[in-house]
Amino acid sequence: MTYTLTGSDGKPYSSPVPGTLGGHRRLRIYGRLDCPAALRALPRGRYVANRVFFADEQTAISAGYRPCAACLRGKYLAWKQRRSAPRK
């Protein structure tokens, strides 16, 4: 069996190993596979068309995705703070 994962360049590739994180292509969010927000959205259907998977967190970040506010709250708050910090 092969799995389609998203690489650090944002492009899909085949992998013999499943991803450890899921995400939403359009919203550019990544999170745990058991994320309560994603599990609520999946049955509604539209989320499925934009679902992506990542091998690890570094790959998701390199591809330009941010942490999920629901399942990765601490990482999301740190990301948000870094974004709002004044640049020198």
C-alpha atoms as a PDB file:
ATOM      1  CA  MET A   1       0.000   0.000   0.000  1.00  0.00           C
ATOM      2  CA  THR A   2       1.196   3.538  -0.707  1.00  0.00           C
ATOM      3  CA  TYR A   3       0.142   6.816   0.869  1.00  0.00           C
ATOM      4  CA  THR A   4       0.097  10.270  -0.676  1.00  0.00           C
ATOM      5  CA  LEU A   5       1.941  12.768   1.498  1.00  0.00           C
ATOM      6  CA  THR A   6       2.767  16.422   0.954  1.00  0.00           C
ATOM      7  CA  GLY A   7       6.449  17.328   0.833  1.00  0.00           C
ATOM      8  CA  SER A   8       8.222  20.431   2.091  1.00  0.00           C
ATOM      9  CA  ASP A   9       7.790  21.928  -1.394  1.00  0.00           C
ATOM     10  CA  GLY A  10       3.996  21.559  -1.058  1.00  0.00           C
ATOM     11  CA  LYS A  11       3.818  18.890  -3.752  1.00  0.00           C
ATOM     12  CA  PRO A  12       2.369  15.403  -3.252  1.00  0.00           C
ATOM     13  CA  TYR A  13       4.533  12.293  -3.302  1.00  0.00           C
ATOM     14  CA  SER A  14       3.984   8.570  -2.709  1.00  0.00           C
ATOM     15  CA  SER A  15       5.216   7.002   0.507  1.00  0.00           C
ATOM     16  CA  PRO A  16       5.145   3.449   1.855  1.00  0.00           C
ATOM     17  CA  VAL A  17       4.616   4.946   5.335  1.00  0.00           C
ATOM     18  CA  PRO A  18       1.457   6.851   6.364  1.00  0.00           C
ATOM     19  CA  GLY A  19       1.696  10.457   7.484  1.00  0.00           C
ATOM     20  CA  THR A  20       1.740  11.412  11.149  1.00  0.00           C
ATOM     21  CA  LEU A  21      -0.109  14.718  10.678  1.00  0.00           C
ATOM     22  CA  GLY A  22      -3.075  15.841   8.615  1.00  0.00           C
ATOM     23  CA  GLY A  23      -3.874  19.217   7.197  1.00  0.00           C
ATOM     24  CA  HIS A  24      -6.114  21.383   5.057  1.00  0.00           C
ATOM     25  CA  ARG A  25      -4.591  22.505   1.756  1.00  0.00           C
ATOM     26  CA  ARG A  26      -6.643  25.666   1.298  1.00  0.00           C
ATOM     27  CA  LEU A  27      -6.463  26.883   4.909  1.00  0.00           C
ATOM     28  CA  ARG A  28      -2.759  25.914   5.195  1.00  0.00           C
ATOM     29  CA  ILE A  29      -3.290  24.309   8.623  1.00  0.00           C
ATOM     30  CA  TYR A  30      -1.742  21.105   9.979  1.00  0.00           C
ATOM     31  CA  GLY A  31      -2.683  19.104  13.067  1.00  0.00           C
ATOM     32  CA  ARG A  32      -2.972  15.717  14.700  1.00  0.00           C
ATOM     33  CA  LEU A  33      -4.845  12.967  12.890  1.00  0.00           C
ATOM     34  CA  ASP A  34      -7.253  12.774  15.843  1.00  0.00           C
ATOM     35  CA  CYS A  35      -7.945  16.544  15.853  1.00  0.00           C
ATOM     36  CA  PRO A  36     -11.498  17.143  17.135  1.00  0.00           C
ATOM     37  CA  ALA A  37     -12.070  20.046  14.703  1.00  0.00           C
ATOM     38  CA  ALA A  38     -11.009  17.974  11.677  1.00  0.00           C
ATOM     39  CA  LEU A  39     -13.025  14.956  12.824  1.00  0.00           C
ATOM     40  CA  ARG A  40     -16.127  17.193  13.050  1.00  0.00           C
ATOM     41  CA  ALA A  41     -15.487  18.698   9.594  1.00  0.00           C
ATOM     42  CA  LEU A  42     -14.740  15.451   7.733  1.00  0.00           C
ATOM     43  CA  PRO A  43     -18.307  14.057   7.791  1.00  0.00           C
ATOM     44  CA  ARG A  44     -19.616  17.304   6.254  1.00  0.00           C
ATOM     45  CA  GLY A  45     -17.692  16.389   3.116  1.00  0.00           C
ATOM     46  CA  ARG A  46     -15.988  19.508   1.780  1.00  0.00           C
ATOM     47  CA  TYR A  47     -12.953  19.099   4.046  1.00  0.00           C
ATOM     48  CA  VAL A  48     -12.051  15.803   2.364  1.00  0.00           C
ATOM     49  CA  ALA A  49     -11.219  17.434  -1.002  1.00  0.00           C
ATOM     50  CA  ASN A  50      -8.580  19.632   0.671  1.00  0.00           C
ATOM     51  CA  ARG A  51      -7.139  17.039   3.066  1.00  0.00           C
ATOM     52  CA  VAL A  52      -3.353  16.567   2.962  1.00  0.00           C
ATOM     53  CA  PHE A  53      -0.967  14.481   5.049  1.00  0.00           C
ATOM     54  CA  PHE A  54       2.582  15.112   6.237  1.00  0.00           C
ATOM     55  CA  ALA A  55       5.353  12.780   7.342  1.00  0.00           C
ATOM     56  CA  ASP A  56       6.286  15.105  10.219  1.00  0.00           C
ATOM     57  CA  GLU A  57       5.859  18.579  11.648  1.00  0.00           C
ATOM     58  CA  GLN A  58       8.993  20.050  10.060  1.00  0.00           C
ATOM     59  CA  THR A  59       7.724  19.101   6.604  1.00  0.00           C
ATOM     60  CA  ALA A  60       4.360  20.778   7.283  1.00  0.00           C
ATOM     61  CA  ILE A  61       6.072  23.970   8.464  1.00  0.00           C
ATOM     62  CA  SER A  62       8.453  23.963   5.484  1.00  0.00           C
ATOM     63  CA  ALA A  63       5.467  23.641   3.151  1.00  0.00           C
ATOM     64  CA  GLY A  64       4.022  26.825   4.677  1.00  0.00           C
ATOM     65  CA  TYR A  65       1.377  25.365   6.985  1.00  0.00           C
ATOM     66  CA  ARG A  66       0.586  26.653  10.476  1.00  0.00           C
ATOM     67  CA  PRO A  67      -0.394  24.650  13.588  1.00  0.00           C
ATOM     68  CA  CYS A  68      -4.084  23.957  14.256  1.00  0.00           C
ATOM     69  CA  ALA A  69      -5.601  26.126  16.987  1.00  0.00           C
ATOM     70  CA  ALA A  70      -7.782  23.246  18.211  1.00  0.00           C
ATOM     71  CA  CYS A  71      -5.398  20.302  18.605  1.00  0.00           C
ATOM     72  CA  LEU A  72      -2.001  22.042  18.775  1.00  0.00           C
ATOM     73  CA  ARG A  73      -3.044  24.999  20.915  1.00  0.00           C
ATOM     74  CA  GLY A  74       0.363  25.753  22.456  1.00  0.00           C
ATOM     75  CA  LYS A  75       2.165  25.599  19.111  1.00  0.00           C
ATOM     76  CA  TYR A  76      -0.579  27.716  17.515  1.00  0.00           C
ATOM     77  CA  LEU A  77      -0.265  30.415  20.210  1.00  0.00           C
ATOM     78  CA  ALA A  78       3.536  30.480  19.775  1.00  0.00           C
ATOM     79  CA  TRP A  79       3.105  30.745  15.986  1.00  0.00           C
ATOM     80  CA  LYS A  80       0.581  33.553  16.400  1.00  0.00           C
ATOM     81  CA  GLN A  81       2.874  35.448  18.765  1.00  0.00           C
ATOM     82  CA  ARG A  82       5.824  35.151  16.361  1.00  0.00           C
ATOM     83  CA  ARG A  83       3.658  36.500  13.535  1.00  0.00           C
ATOM     84  CA  SER A  84       2.485  39.500  15.525  1.00  0.00           C
ATOM     85  CA  ALA A  85       5.917  40.380  16.940  1.00  0.00           C
ATOM     86  CA  PRO A  86       7.326  43.583  15.443  1.00  0.00           C
ATOM     87  CA  ARG A  87      10.062  42.947  12.889  1.00  0.00           C
ATOM     88  CA  LYS A  88      13.361  44.756  13.203  1.00  0.00           C
END
